[in-house]
Amino acid sequence: MSKLIVSGMTNLEGSVSVGGSKNSTLPILAATLLANGCSTIYDVPYLLDIKNMTDILHCLGAEITNAGGSGLSICCKKPGWDVSDCEYTTKLRASFLVAGPLLARCKRFKISMPGGCRIGLRPVDLHLKGFAALGAKITVGHGFIEAKCRNLTGTVIYLDFPSVGATENLMMTASLANGLTIIENAAIEPEIVDLAGFINSMGGKIVGAGTDTIKITGVKELTGQVHTVIPDRIEAGTYAAAAAVTKGKIQIDNVIPEHLTPITAKLREAGVEVTEGDSFITVDAENQPKAADIKTLPYPGFPTDMQAPYTAMMSVAEGTSIVTETIFENRFMHIPELIKMGADIKTEGRTAVVKGTKKLTGSKVNATDLRAGAALVLAALAAEGETEISHAEYIDRGYYNIDKKLSLLGAQVMRID
């Protein structure tokens, strides 16, 4: 168990560069299984979740080598189809993203139930309904899921909810199916567009990614390609909130400002000055943030992954904010820890009433999941005294070298492994 020791009340200043998107890299790594050849992916963030995904690819027979810097080369000429005994699948929610490529390439898969952060139920029923519609026979056993098919045939699939994971999995599966597949009520996140761009570079035929209707014309074969992952909008948003809670001024480099619009709009509503460039934003917060309500929604709504860091920001804002979580039912686990630090927050169901306070106090707190951990780091930066955050390994799942990056901005952060 690793810990972060944070001494707060330092104004952050300087510049920080964002890495490649974790939520984009994971499905793109899974999609390399579709290719009859080698792919090279650049701007791969060195995170625990990424390591777990590459270990899963190893279990499937992939050869993975460093391509220099942040690049990985992945070759899987003949992938296996059974990863039910691969220990890494239970450590990572995104492990189920290999199911679609395996079904498309091998005509079958067997995989353990996916793991990941305990932020609520995240069933894969929409994935399975889509696989069945394409022609697969599904078996759900004790702790595993298996699917088989003779052929996959394009069809119309309507998603009851615009699930990012289901959209990604079905898009990958349909890329090698016979005929045309139409995914209606599809997710429109930037990560969907990035994945579609990678598949199309391999020879796929996907149109409409980024809209709620995606059309995929299956091809017989895909070939490996070189691809650079988009920047991580959640990492960027977290550093933007860090500037706000410390009344700091920082420039965040390697971003796509349009991807950050739902976040920067709320920062501006909270009285924080945000300036956009071609590939950077500058966040300037001279004064205490003002209260501003949020409601998490699928993109282009406010992202659920930013809810916990934003709640930490609102805990030191002027006024009272209402935070409504609509995506996951158990994503308020950071709130009891924030209350230990002096935050005034009351919850009822999926709604939190956050009454801002001028001062938080350092304490011993526990990171219960990735984004909850990030929220505690932000609160610690704003708090008087020293905060000890246990289970920092959760934070490492989504933020590479967060202690070093914050230290370069003037924060006092120390890691104890």
Protein backbone atom coordinates (compact mmCIF):
# COMPACT_ATOMS: atom_id res chain seq x y z
CA MET A 1 0.00 0.00 0.00
CA SER A 2 1.45 3.36 -1.00
CA LYS A 3 0.63 6.72 0.53
CA LEU A 4 0.76 10.36 -0.51
CA ILE A 5 1.68 12.96 2.10
CA VAL A 6 0.43 16.41 1.06
CA SER A 7 1.11 19.72 2.79
CA GLY A 8 -1.52 22.15 1.62
CA MET A 9 -2.22 25.86 1.13
CA THR A 10 0.33 26.46 -1.65
CA ASN A 11 -0.71 28.36 -4.77
CA LEU A 12 0.07 26.20 -7.80
CA GLU A 13 1.97 27.95 -10.59
CA GLY A 14 3.67 26.85 -13.79
CA SER A 15 2.82 24.40 -16.55
CA VAL A 16 1.96 20.72 -16.66
CA SER A 17 1.61 18.38 -19.62
CA VAL A 18 -1.22 15.86 -19.89
CA GLY A 19 -0.56 12.30 -21.01
CA GLY A 20 -2.48 10.13 -23.45
CA SER A 21 -6.05 9.27 -22.53
CA LYS A 22 -6.37 6.17 -20.38
CA ASN A 23 -9.98 5.72 -21.47
CA SER A 24 -8.93 5.85 -25.10
CA THR A 25 -5.79 3.73 -24.83
CA LEU A 26 -7.56 0.75 -23.22
CA PRO A 27 -10.02 0.05 -26.10
CA ILE A 28 -7.34 0.83 -28.69
CA LEU A 29 -5.04 -1.76 -27.12
CA ALA A 30 -7.92 -4.24 -27.25
CA ALA A 31 -8.53 -3.32 -30.90
CA THR A 32 -4.99 -4.33 -31.85
CA LEU A 33 -6.27 -7.91 -31.53
CA LEU A 34 -8.35 -7.28 -34.67
CA ALA A 35 -5.28 -6.82 -36.84
CA ASN A 36 -3.46 -9.48 -38.77
CA GLY A 37 -0.11 -7.84 -38.09
CA CYS A 38 1.59 -5.41 -35.74
CA SER A 39 0.34 -2.04 -34.51
CA THR A 40 2.28 0.72 -32.81
CA ILE A 41 0.45 2.98 -30.38
CA TYR A 42 2.00 6.24 -29.17
CA ASP A 43 1.24 8.48 -26.17
CA VAL A 44 0.39 5.40 -24.10
CA PRO A 45 0.17 6.52 -20.45
CA TYR A 46 2.24 4.38 -18.10
CA LEU A 47 -0.55 3.53 -15.67
CA LEU A 48 -1.50 0.46 -13.65
CA ASP A 49 -4.66 -0.08 -15.72
CA ILE A 50 -2.58 0.01 -18.92
CA LYS A 51 -0.14 -2.53 -17.49
CA ASN A 52 -3.03 -4.82 -16.59
CA MET A 53 -4.43 -4.56 -20.12
CA THR A 54 -1.07 -5.36 -21.72
CA ASP A 55 -0.76 -8.34 -19.35
CA ILE A 56 -4.16 -9.55 -20.61
CA LEU A 57 -2.90 -9.23 -24.19
CA HIS A 58 0.13 -11.29 -23.16
CA CYS A 59 -2.25 -13.97 -21.85
CA LEU A 60 -3.79 -14.02 -25.33
CA GLY A 61 -0.42 -14.55 -26.99
CA ALA A 62 0.43 -11.01 -28.02
CA GLU A 63 4.04 -9.90 -28.31
CA ILE A 64 4.47 -6.42 -26.85
CA THR A 65 7.64 -4.37 -27.13
CA ASN A 66 8.61 -0.78 -26.36
CA ALA A 67 8.53 1.40 -29.46
CA GLY A 68 10.46 4.24 -27.89
CA GLY A 69 9.25 6.82 -25.38
CA SER A 70 5.54 6.33 -24.80
CA GLY A 71 5.08 3.92 -27.70
CA LEU A 72 4.10 0.25 -27.62
CA SER A 73 4.26 -2.24 -30.48
CA ILE A 74 1.65 -5.03 -30.28
CA CYS A 75 1.72 -8.11 -32.52
CA CYS A 76 -0.84 -10.90 -32.22
CA LYS A 77 -0.82 -13.12 -35.30
CA LYS A 78 -3.02 -15.83 -33.80
CA PRO A 79 -4.70 -14.76 -30.55
CA GLY A 80 -6.00 -17.22 -28.02
CA TRP A 81 -9.66 -16.95 -27.08
CA ASP A 82 -9.74 -18.12 -23.45
CA VAL A 83 -8.66 -15.67 -20.75
CA SER A 84 -10.91 -17.06 -18.02
CA ASP A 85 -7.80 -18.09 -16.06
CA CYS A 86 -5.93 -14.83 -16.66
CA GLU A 87 -5.69 -13.14 -13.24
CA TYR A 88 -5.54 -9.64 -14.70
CA THR A 89 -9.10 -9.66 -16.06
CA THR A 90 -10.49 -9.44 -12.52
CA LYS A 91 -8.37 -6.35 -11.80
CA LEU A 92 -9.68 -4.22 -14.63
CA ARG A 93 -13.17 -3.25 -15.77
CA ALA A 94 -11.88 -2.61 -19.29
CA SER A 95 -10.71 -6.24 -19.56
CA PHE A 96 -14.08 -7.03 -21.14
CA LEU A 97 -13.12 -4.89 -24.14
CA VAL A 98 -11.11 -7.82 -25.51
CA ALA A 99 -14.33 -9.82 -25.85
CA GLY A 100 -15.49 -8.05 -29.03
CA PRO A 101 -12.18 -8.37 -30.91
CA LEU A 102 -11.87 -12.04 -29.90
CA LEU A 103 -15.41 -12.80 -31.06
CA ALA A 104 -14.68 -11.07 -34.37
CA ARG A 105 -11.27 -12.65 -34.92
CA CYS A 106 -11.58 -16.10 -33.28
CA LYS A 107 -15.39 -16.52 -33.40
CA ARG A 108 -15.41 -17.18 -29.66
CA PHE A 109 -14.21 -15.98 -26.27
CA LYS A 110 -14.24 -17.03 -22.64
CA ILE A 111 -13.48 -14.40 -20.05
CA SER A 112 -13.82 -13.85 -16.32
CA MET A 113 -16.25 -11.28 -15.02
CA PRO A 114 -14.44 -7.92 -15.21
CA GLY A 115 -13.14 -6.16 -12.10
CA GLY A 116 -12.14 -2.55 -11.42
CA CYS A 117 -13.02 0.24 -9.01
CA ARG A 118 -16.02 -0.33 -6.73
CA ILE A 119 -18.05 2.67 -7.88
CA GLY A 120 -21.26 0.78 -8.53
CA LEU A 121 -22.81 -1.82 -10.77
CA ARG A 122 -21.50 -1.75 -14.33
CA PRO A 123 -23.19 -4.71 -16.01
CA VAL A 124 -22.16 -5.91 -19.46
CA ASP A 125 -25.70 -6.83 -20.54
CA LEU A 126 -25.71 -4.25 -23.36
CA HIS A 127 -22.49 -5.76 -24.72
CA LEU A 128 -24.00 -9.26 -24.60
CA LYS A 129 -27.28 -8.22 -26.25
CA GLY A 130 -25.27 -6.71 -29.08
CA PHE A 131 -23.09 -9.82 -29.47
CA ALA A 132 -26.23 -11.97 -29.60
CA ALA A 133 -27.81 -9.70 -32.21
CA LEU A 134 -24.72 -10.16 -34.36
CA GLY A 135 -25.09 -13.94 -34.16
CA ALA A 136 -23.24 -15.09 -31.06
CA LYS A 137 -24.52 -17.65 -28.57
CA ILE A 138 -23.83 -16.44 -25.03
CA THR A 139 -23.24 -18.54 -21.91
CA VAL A 140 -22.92 -16.93 -18.49
CA GLY A 141 -21.39 -19.28 -15.95
CA HIS A 142 -20.11 -18.99 -12.40
CA GLY A 143 -17.70 -16.08 -12.67
CA PHE A 144 -17.17 -16.18 -16.42
CA ILE A 145 -18.82 -15.35 -19.75
CA GLU A 146 -18.44 -17.39 -22.92
CA ALA A 147 -19.60 -16.70 -26.47
CA LYS A 148 -19.40 -18.65 -29.73
CA CYS A 149 -20.52 -18.06 -33.29
CA ARG A 150 -20.13 -19.53 -36.76
CA ASN A 151 -20.41 -16.17 -38.42
CA LEU A 152 -21.21 -12.62 -37.42
CA THR A 153 -23.81 -10.81 -39.49
CA GLY A 154 -24.44 -7.09 -39.45
CA THR A 155 -27.69 -5.84 -37.95
CA VAL A 156 -29.31 -2.85 -36.25
CA ILE A 157 -28.49 -2.58 -32.54
CA TYR A 158 -30.26 -0.09 -30.30
CA LEU A 159 -28.53 0.59 -26.99
CA ASP A 160 -30.92 1.19 -24.09
CA PHE A 161 -28.27 3.51 -22.64
CA PRO A 162 -25.40 5.20 -24.55
CA SER A 163 -22.78 3.01 -22.90
CA VAL A 164 -19.21 3.87 -23.88
CA GLY A 165 -17.93 0.33 -23.30
CA ALA A 166 -20.78 -1.33 -25.21
CA THR A 167 -20.39 1.10 -28.12
CA GLU A 168 -16.65 0.36 -28.28
CA ASN A 169 -17.04 -3.41 -28.00
CA LEU A 170 -19.78 -3.63 -30.62
CA MET A 171 -17.96 -1.29 -32.98
CA MET A 172 -14.88 -3.54 -32.81
CA THR A 173 -16.94 -6.72 -33.26
CA ALA A 174 -18.87 -5.35 -36.23
CA SER A 175 -15.67 -4.29 -37.99
CA LEU A 176 -15.08 -7.90 -39.08
CA ALA A 177 -18.75 -8.97 -39.37
CA ASN A 178 -20.53 -9.64 -42.64
CA GLY A 179 -22.50 -6.67 -43.95
CA LEU A 180 -23.67 -3.46 -42.34
CA THR A 181 -24.13 -2.89 -38.59
CA ILE A 182 -25.89 0.19 -37.28
CA ILE A 183 -25.51 1.14 -33.60
CA GLU A 184 -28.28 3.48 -32.51
CA ASN A 185 -28.18 5.58 -29.32
CA ALA A 186 -24.42 5.11 -29.39
CA ALA A 187 -22.07 6.92 -27.02
CA ILE A 188 -20.49 10.02 -28.57
CA GLU A 189 -17.44 10.50 -26.33
CA PRO A 190 -14.14 11.64 -27.91
CA GLU A 191 -12.68 8.23 -27.03
CA ILE A 192 -15.23 6.62 -29.38
CA VAL A 193 -14.02 8.84 -32.22
CA ASP A 194 -10.39 7.98 -31.44
CA LEU A 195 -11.09 4.24 -31.53
CA ALA A 196 -13.01 4.54 -34.81
CA GLY A 197 -10.11 6.48 -36.31
CA PHE A 198 -7.69 3.71 -35.35
CA ILE A 199 -9.91 0.96 -36.79
CA ASN A 200 -10.42 2.94 -40.01
CA SER A 201 -6.65 3.39 -40.35
CA MET A 202 -6.38 -0.43 -40.23
CA GLY A 203 -8.80 -0.72 -43.14
CA GLY A 204 -12.12 -0.58 -41.30
CA LYS A 205 -15.21 1.18 -42.56
CA ILE A 206 -16.83 3.15 -39.75
CA VAL A 207 -18.84 6.34 -40.25
CA GLY A 208 -20.76 8.42 -37.73
CA ALA A 209 -18.46 8.03 -34.72
CA GLY A 210 -19.10 11.05 -32.52
CA THR A 211 -22.82 10.96 -33.31
CA ASP A 212 -25.53 8.77 -31.79
CA THR A 213 -25.77 6.62 -34.93
CA ILE A 214 -22.66 4.70 -36.01
CA LYS A 215 -22.56 2.63 -39.20
CA ILE A 216 -19.97 -0.12 -39.57
CA THR A 217 -19.47 -2.03 -42.81
CA GLY A 218 -17.57 -5.19 -42.01
CA VAL A 219 -14.37 -6.06 -43.86
CA LYS A 220 -12.59 -9.40 -44.24
CA GLU A 221 -9.31 -8.34 -42.67
CA LEU A 222 -7.69 -5.49 -40.78
CA THR A 223 -3.98 -4.74 -40.81
CA GLY A 224 -1.80 -3.22 -38.08
CA GLN A 225 -1.19 0.53 -38.10
CA VAL A 226 0.50 3.37 -36.22
CA HIS A 227 -1.75 5.53 -34.04
CA THR A 228 -1.33 8.33 -31.50
CA VAL A 229 -3.82 8.41 -28.62
CA ILE A 230 -5.74 11.61 -27.84
CA PRO A 231 -4.88 13.55 -24.64
CA ASP A 232 -6.58 12.64 -21.37
CA ARG A 233 -9.40 15.13 -20.77
CA ILE A 234 -10.00 13.87 -17.21
CA GLU A 235 -6.37 14.34 -16.19
CA ALA A 236 -6.52 17.84 -17.69
CA GLY A 237 -9.75 18.61 -15.82
CA THR A 238 -8.24 17.41 -12.55
CA TYR A 239 -5.25 19.75 -12.86
CA ALA A 240 -7.60 22.58 -13.80
CA ALA A 241 -9.56 21.95 -10.58
CA ALA A 242 -6.25 21.81 -8.67
CA ALA A 243 -5.49 25.34 -9.86
CA ALA A 244 -8.95 26.44 -8.72
CA VAL A 245 -8.73 24.98 -5.19
CA THR A 246 -5.27 26.52 -4.60
CA LYS A 247 -6.09 29.93 -6.14
CA GLY A 248 -3.27 29.23 -8.56
CA LYS A 249 -2.45 29.85 -12.18
CA ILE A 250 -1.28 27.00 -14.37
CA GLN A 251 -1.00 26.19 -18.05
CA ILE A 252 -2.12 22.70 -19.02
CA ASP A 253 -0.40 21.50 -22.20
CA ASN A 254 -1.20 18.71 -24.67
CA VAL A 255 -4.99 19.04 -24.54
CA ILE A 256 -7.82 19.29 -27.06
CA PRO A 257 -9.78 22.26 -25.63
CA GLU A 258 -13.06 21.20 -27.28
CA HIS A 259 -12.97 17.93 -25.34
CA LEU A 260 -12.83 19.94 -22.10
CA THR A 261 -15.84 22.17 -22.80
CA PRO A 262 -18.18 20.54 -20.20
CA ILE A 263 -15.46 21.01 -17.55
CA THR A 264 -14.22 24.48 -18.48
CA ALA A 265 -17.80 25.76 -18.72
CA LYS A 266 -18.35 24.83 -15.06
CA LEU A 267 -15.00 26.32 -14.05
CA ARG A 268 -16.03 29.61 -15.62
CA GLU A 269 -19.41 29.40 -13.90
CA ALA A 270 -17.48 29.03 -10.65
CA GLY A 271 -15.63 32.28 -11.37
CA VAL A 272 -12.39 30.70 -12.58
CA GLU A 273 -10.74 32.31 -15.61
CA VAL A 274 -9.98 29.85 -18.41
CA THR A 275 -8.10 30.80 -21.58
CA GLU A 276 -7.86 28.38 -24.50
CA GLY A 277 -5.08 27.93 -27.04
CA ASP A 278 -4.65 25.48 -29.89
CA SER A 279 -3.36 22.68 -27.66
CA PHE A 280 -3.38 24.17 -24.16
CA ILE A 281 -5.56 25.91 -21.61
CA THR A 282 -4.57 28.37 -18.91
CA VAL A 283 -6.49 28.28 -15.64
CA ASP A 284 -6.27 31.38 -13.42
CA ALA A 285 -8.05 31.39 -10.06
CA GLU A 286 -7.18 34.46 -8.02
CA ASN A 287 -10.15 34.13 -5.68
CA GLN A 288 -12.12 31.44 -3.89
CA PRO A 289 -14.33 29.54 -6.39
CA LYS A 290 -18.07 30.25 -6.36
CA ALA A 291 -20.68 27.54 -5.94
CA ALA A 292 -21.99 25.96 -9.15
CA ASP A 293 -24.29 22.94 -9.48
CA ILE A 294 -23.39 19.92 -11.62
CA LYS A 295 -25.23 16.87 -12.90
CA THR A 296 -23.20 14.06 -14.43
CA LEU A 297 -24.37 12.94 -17.86
CA PRO A 298 -22.98 11.11 -20.90
CA TYR A 299 -20.82 13.29 -23.15
CA PRO A 300 -21.18 16.16 -23.93
CA GLY A 301 -22.57 16.44 -20.38
CA PHE A 302 -20.40 16.81 -17.31
CA PRO A 303 -18.25 13.64 -17.01
CA THR A 304 -18.84 11.29 -14.11
CA ASP A 305 -15.06 10.84 -13.83
CA MET A 306 -14.79 14.52 -12.87
CA GLN A 307 -17.57 14.46 -10.27
CA ALA A 308 -15.36 13.57 -7.30
CA PRO A 309 -12.60 16.14 -8.08
CA TYR A 310 -15.29 18.77 -8.72
CA THR A 311 -16.97 17.97 -5.39
CA ALA A 312 -13.63 18.57 -3.67
CA MET A 313 -13.40 21.92 -5.45
CA MET A 314 -16.92 22.88 -4.36
CA SER A 315 -16.12 21.96 -0.76
CA VAL A 316 -13.96 25.11 -0.60
CA ALA A 317 -16.24 27.27 -2.80
CA GLU A 318 -18.25 30.28 -1.74
CA GLY A 319 -21.88 29.19 -1.34
CA THR A 320 -23.78 25.92 -1.61
CA SER A 321 -23.65 23.54 -4.59
CA ILE A 322 -25.82 20.61 -5.59
CA VAL A 323 -23.95 17.65 -7.07
CA THR A 324 -26.10 15.01 -8.79
CA GLU A 325 -24.58 11.70 -9.92
CA THR A 326 -26.68 9.96 -12.59
CA ILE A 327 -24.20 7.43 -14.01
CA PHE A 328 -23.04 5.30 -11.06
CA GLU A 329 -24.94 4.66 -7.86
CA ASN A 330 -21.91 4.31 -5.58
CA ARG A 331 -19.71 7.21 -6.56
CA PHE A 332 -19.86 9.26 -3.37
CA MET A 333 -17.31 7.20 -1.43
CA HIS A 334 -14.96 10.19 -1.32
CA ILE A 335 -17.47 12.27 0.64
CA PRO A 336 -16.98 10.67 4.10
CA GLU A 337 -13.24 11.22 3.65
CA LEU A 338 -13.76 14.87 2.67
CA ILE A 339 -15.93 15.31 5.77
CA LYS A 340 -12.98 14.10 7.89
CA MET A 341 -11.11 17.10 6.53
CA GLY A 342 -13.85 19.53 7.51
CA ALA A 343 -16.02 19.56 4.40
CA ASP A 344 -19.72 20.30 4.95
CA ILE A 345 -21.51 17.79 2.69
CA LYS A 346 -24.81 15.99 3.10
CA THR A 347 -25.95 13.23 0.79
CA GLU A 348 -29.32 11.76 -0.07
CA GLY A 349 -29.35 9.03 -2.66
CA ARG A 350 -27.43 10.24 -5.67
CA THR A 351 -27.47 13.90 -4.64
CA ALA A 352 -24.92 15.73 -2.50
CA VAL A 353 -25.42 19.18 -0.99
CA VAL A 354 -22.00 20.79 -0.68
CA LYS A 355 -21.75 23.87 1.54
CA GLY A 356 -18.43 25.52 0.86
CA THR A 357 -16.01 26.27 3.67
CA LYS A 358 -13.07 28.66 3.69
CA LYS A 359 -10.74 26.12 5.24
CA LEU A 360 -10.19 22.36 5.22
CA THR A 361 -7.87 20.67 7.70
CA GLY A 362 -5.30 18.00 6.96
CA SER A 363 -6.19 14.50 8.13
CA LYS A 364 -5.56 10.80 7.54
CA VAL A 365 -7.87 9.69 4.71
CA ASN A 366 -8.32 6.69 2.47
CA ALA A 367 -8.60 6.59 -1.32
CA THR A 368 -11.38 4.11 -2.10
CA ASP A 369 -11.19 4.34 -5.89
CA LEU A 370 -9.37 6.22 -8.65
CA ARG A 371 -11.36 9.46 -8.88
CA ALA A 372 -12.10 9.51 -5.15
CA GLY A 373 -8.34 9.48 -4.63
CA ALA A 374 -7.92 12.41 -6.99
CA ALA A 375 -10.58 14.33 -5.03
CA LEU A 376 -8.64 13.77 -1.80
CA VAL A 377 -5.45 15.06 -3.41
CA LEU A 378 -7.28 18.27 -4.41
CA ALA A 379 -8.75 18.67 -0.94
CA ALA A 380 -5.30 18.12 0.59
CA LEU A 381 -3.83 20.85 -1.63
CA ALA A 382 -6.42 23.29 -0.23
CA ALA A 383 -6.20 22.12 3.39
CA GLU A 384 -4.30 23.61 6.27
CA GLY A 385 -1.63 21.24 7.53
CA GLU A 386 -0.64 17.77 6.38
CA THR A 387 -2.89 15.14 4.80
CA GLU A 388 -1.99 11.46 4.56
CA ILE A 389 -3.78 9.66 1.72
CA SER A 390 -3.67 5.87 1.96
CA HIS A 391 -4.10 3.48 -1.00
CA ALA A 392 -2.48 5.86 -3.47
CA GLU A 393 -2.23 2.89 -5.84
CA TYR A 394 -5.84 3.65 -6.82
CA ILE A 395 -4.75 7.11 -7.94
CA ASP A 396 -1.93 5.55 -9.98
CA ARG A 397 -4.54 3.79 -12.09
CA GLY A 398 -5.39 7.04 -13.82
CA TYR A 399 -2.68 9.62 -13.05
CA TYR A 400 0.94 9.00 -13.97
CA ASN A 401 3.45 10.63 -11.59
CA ILE A 402 0.79 12.87 -10.06
CA ASP A 403 3.08 13.58 -7.09
CA LYS A 404 5.95 14.67 -9.33
CA LYS A 405 3.75 16.77 -11.63
CA LEU A 406 2.17 18.59 -8.69
CA SER A 407 5.59 19.14 -7.11
CA LEU A 408 6.78 20.85 -10.29
CA LEU A 409 3.83 23.25 -9.85
CA GLY A 410 4.98 24.11 -6.34
CA ALA A 411 2.93 21.62 -4.30
CA GLN A 412 4.47 19.77 -1.37
CA VAL A 413 3.72 16.12 -2.13
CA MET A 414 5.71 13.10 -0.97
CA ARG A 415 5.12 9.45 -1.84
CA ILE A 416 5.70 6.59 0.59
CA ASP A 417 5.66 3.11 -0.95
